Amino acid sequence: MTDDDRALLDFADKQWRYAGNQADAIMAQFGISVTRYWQRVNRLLDTEEAPAYNPV
């Protein structure tokens, strides 16, 4: 798992009151769309490393 992967998972763990704020923050921090962000997070969640890094 890369540092970028860990950053995505850490970011996904945050609570957001408004979806627009999250979308803006995703674009600012990662330079990708919300759709692409969640695709990457979901792909990571299917790995063995993600639960070991950040168990839910």
N, C-alpha and C. Protein backbone atom coordinates (compact mmCIF):
# COMPACT_ATOMS: atom_id res chain seq x y z
N MET A 1 0.85 -1.17 0.00
CA MET A 1 0.00 0.00 0.00
C MET A 1 0.90 1.24 0.00
N THR A 2 0.57 2.16 -0.87
CA THR A 2 1.37 3.37 -1.01
C THR A 2 0.93 4.45 -0.01
N ASP A 3 1.73 5.48 0.10
CA ASP A 3 1.35 6.62 0.94
C ASP A 3 0.09 7.28 0.41
N ASP A 4 -0.06 7.34 -0.92
CA ASP A 4 -1.27 7.90 -1.52
C ASP A 4 -2.49 7.07 -1.14
N ASP A 5 -2.35 5.76 -1.15
CA ASP A 5 -3.46 4.88 -0.76
C ASP A 5 -3.85 5.14 0.69
N ARG A 6 -2.87 5.27 1.55
CA ARG A 6 -3.16 5.55 2.97
C ARG A 6 -3.86 6.90 3.13
N ALA A 7 -3.43 7.89 2.35
CA ALA A 7 -4.05 9.21 2.42
C ALA A 7 -5.51 9.14 1.99
N LEU A 8 -5.81 8.35 0.95
CA LEU A 8 -7.19 8.18 0.51
C LEU A 8 -8.04 7.56 1.62
N LEU A 9 -7.52 6.54 2.25
CA LEU A 9 -8.26 5.88 3.33
C LEU A 9 -8.43 6.79 4.54
N ASP A 10 -7.41 7.54 4.88
CA ASP A 10 -7.52 8.48 5.99
C ASP A 10 -8.58 9.53 5.70
N PHE A 11 -8.59 10.02 4.47
CA PHE A 11 -9.55 11.04 4.06
C PHE A 11 -10.97 10.47 4.11
N ALA A 12 -11.14 9.22 3.69
CA ALA A 12 -12.46 8.58 3.68
C ALA A 12 -13.02 8.42 5.09
N ASP A 13 -12.14 8.42 6.07
CA ASP A 13 -12.54 8.23 7.47
C ASP A 13 -13.12 9.50 8.09
N LYS A 14 -12.96 10.64 7.42
CA LYS A 14 -13.46 11.92 7.96
C LYS A 14 -14.97 12.01 7.80
N GLN A 15 -15.57 12.81 8.67
CA GLN A 15 -17.01 13.07 8.61
C GLN A 15 -17.25 14.40 7.90
N TRP A 16 -18.23 14.44 7.03
CA TRP A 16 -18.53 15.65 6.27
C TRP A 16 -20.00 16.01 6.44
N ARG A 17 -20.26 17.26 6.72
CA ARG A 17 -21.63 17.71 6.89
C ARG A 17 -22.30 17.92 5.53
N TYR A 18 -21.55 18.44 4.57
CA TYR A 18 -22.10 18.73 3.25
C TYR A 18 -21.26 18.06 2.18
N ALA A 19 -21.91 17.40 1.24
CA ALA A 19 -21.19 16.67 0.19
C ALA A 19 -20.34 17.60 -0.67
N GLY A 20 -20.81 18.82 -0.90
CA GLY A 20 -20.04 19.76 -1.72
C GLY A 20 -18.69 20.08 -1.12
N ASN A 21 -18.65 20.19 0.20
CA ASN A 21 -17.37 20.44 0.87
C ASN A 21 -16.40 19.30 0.64
N GLN A 22 -16.91 18.08 0.69
CA GLN A 22 -16.07 16.91 0.47
C GLN A 22 -15.56 16.89 -0.97
N ALA A 23 -16.42 17.16 -1.92
CA ALA A 23 -16.02 17.16 -3.33
C ALA A 23 -14.92 18.19 -3.58
N ASP A 24 -15.08 19.37 -3.02
CA ASP A 24 -14.06 20.42 -3.18
C ASP A 24 -12.74 20.00 -2.54
N ALA A 25 -12.82 19.39 -1.37
CA ALA A 25 -11.61 18.96 -0.67
C ALA A 25 -10.91 17.82 -1.42
N ILE A 26 -11.67 16.91 -2.00
CA ILE A 26 -11.08 15.82 -2.78
C ILE A 26 -10.33 16.38 -3.97
N MET A 27 -10.95 17.31 -4.67
CA MET A 27 -10.29 17.91 -5.84
C MET A 27 -9.03 18.67 -5.41
N ALA A 28 -9.12 19.41 -4.31
CA ALA A 28 -7.97 20.20 -3.86
C ALA A 28 -6.82 19.31 -3.37
N GLN A 29 -7.14 18.26 -2.64
CA GLN A 29 -6.09 17.44 -2.04
C GLN A 29 -5.53 16.39 -2.99
N PHE A 30 -6.41 15.78 -3.80
CA PHE A 30 -5.98 14.66 -4.63
C PHE A 30 -6.00 14.96 -6.12
N GLY A 31 -6.69 16.03 -6.52
CA GLY A 31 -6.74 16.40 -7.93
C GLY A 31 -7.56 15.45 -8.78
N ILE A 32 -8.53 14.78 -8.16
CA ILE A 32 -9.39 13.85 -8.89
C ILE A 32 -10.85 14.13 -8.56
N SER A 33 -11.75 13.61 -9.38
CA SER A 33 -13.18 13.80 -9.15
C SER A 33 -13.64 12.92 -7.99
N VAL A 34 -14.81 13.23 -7.47
CA VAL A 34 -15.39 12.43 -6.39
C VAL A 34 -15.61 11.00 -6.86
N THR A 35 -16.09 10.84 -8.09
CA THR A 35 -16.33 9.50 -8.63
C THR A 35 -15.04 8.69 -8.66
N ARG A 36 -13.99 9.28 -9.18
CA ARG A 36 -12.70 8.58 -9.26
C ARG A 36 -12.16 8.29 -7.86
N TYR A 37 -12.34 9.22 -6.95
CA TYR A 37 -11.90 9.03 -5.57
C TYR A 37 -12.55 7.78 -4.96
N TRP A 38 -13.88 7.69 -5.06
CA TRP A 38 -14.58 6.55 -4.47
C TRP A 38 -14.27 5.25 -5.19
N GLN A 39 -14.00 5.31 -6.49
CA GLN A 39 -13.56 4.11 -7.20
C GLN A 39 -12.25 3.60 -6.60
N ARG A 40 -11.33 4.50 -6.36
CA ARG A 40 -10.03 4.12 -5.79
C ARG A 40 -10.19 3.60 -4.36
N VAL A 41 -11.02 4.28 -3.56
CA VAL A 41 -11.23 3.83 -2.17
C VAL A 41 -11.86 2.44 -2.17
N ASN A 42 -12.87 2.22 -3.00
CA ASN A 42 -13.52 0.91 -3.04
C ASN A 42 -12.57 -0.17 -3.51
N ARG A 43 -11.69 0.15 -4.46
CA ARG A 43 -10.69 -0.82 -4.91
C ARG A 43 -9.75 -1.16 -3.76
N LEU A 44 -9.36 -0.14 -3.00
CA LEU A 44 -8.47 -0.37 -1.85
C LEU A 44 -9.14 -1.24 -0.78
N LEU A 45 -10.43 -1.03 -0.57
CA LEU A 45 -11.13 -1.79 0.45
C LEU A 45 -11.21 -3.28 0.13
N ASP A 46 -11.02 -3.62 -1.14
CA ASP A 46 -11.02 -5.03 -1.55
C ASP A 46 -9.66 -5.70 -1.33
N THR A 47 -8.68 -4.95 -0.88
CA THR A 47 -7.35 -5.53 -0.63
C THR A 47 -7.25 -5.99 0.82
N GLU A 48 -6.25 -6.79 1.09
CA GLU A 48 -6.02 -7.24 2.46
C GLU A 48 -5.34 -6.16 3.30
N GLU A 49 -4.62 -5.26 2.64
CA GLU A 49 -3.86 -4.25 3.36
C GLU A 49 -4.74 -3.18 4.00
N ALA A 50 -5.85 -2.82 3.35
CA ALA A 50 -6.70 -1.73 3.85
C ALA A 50 -7.26 -2.02 5.24
N PRO A 51 -7.90 -3.18 5.45
CA PRO A 51 -8.41 -3.44 6.81
C PRO A 51 -7.30 -3.54 7.85
N ALA A 52 -6.14 -4.00 7.44
CA ALA A 52 -5.02 -4.07 8.38
C ALA A 52 -4.54 -2.67 8.75
N TYR A 53 -4.58 -1.75 7.79
CA TYR A 53 -4.14 -0.38 8.03
C TYR A 53 -5.16 0.39 8.87
N ASN A 54 -6.44 0.26 8.51
CA ASN A 54 -7.48 1.05 9.17
C ASN A 54 -8.72 0.18 9.36
N PRO A 55 -8.74 -0.65 10.40
CA PRO A 55 -9.91 -1.51 10.62
C PRO A 55 -11.14 -0.68 10.96
N VAL A 56 -12.25 -1.09 10.43
CA VAL A 56 -13.51 -0.36 10.66
C VAL A 56 -14.17 -0.87 11.91
